[in-house]
Amino acid sequence: MTLLGLYDLRAAQLDLVAAMLLAHRAAMMAVAGALLFLAASRMTFLRWLVTFVALSKMLFVIAAFPVREAVTLTF
């Protein structure tokens, strides 16, 4: 395999990892939204507020972690 072929393979691996991380981020946001919906329907306002704040912090951590840095850390 030539050097150019190895470079293309590496780029394809990085694209795959970035796509997996984006899919994971979307799945985590969907789970957080579902939990927030359940919290709103079954809890008192104070418990709902605490859950909302906790989920907001979790979503901020998920959204603030850049995909490019995750790919750099992975490889």
Foldseek 3Di string as FASTA:
>chain_A
DDPVVVVVVVVVVLVVQLVVLVVVLVVLVVVLVVVLVVCVVPHDPVSSVVSVVVSVVVNCVSVVDDSVVVSVVVD
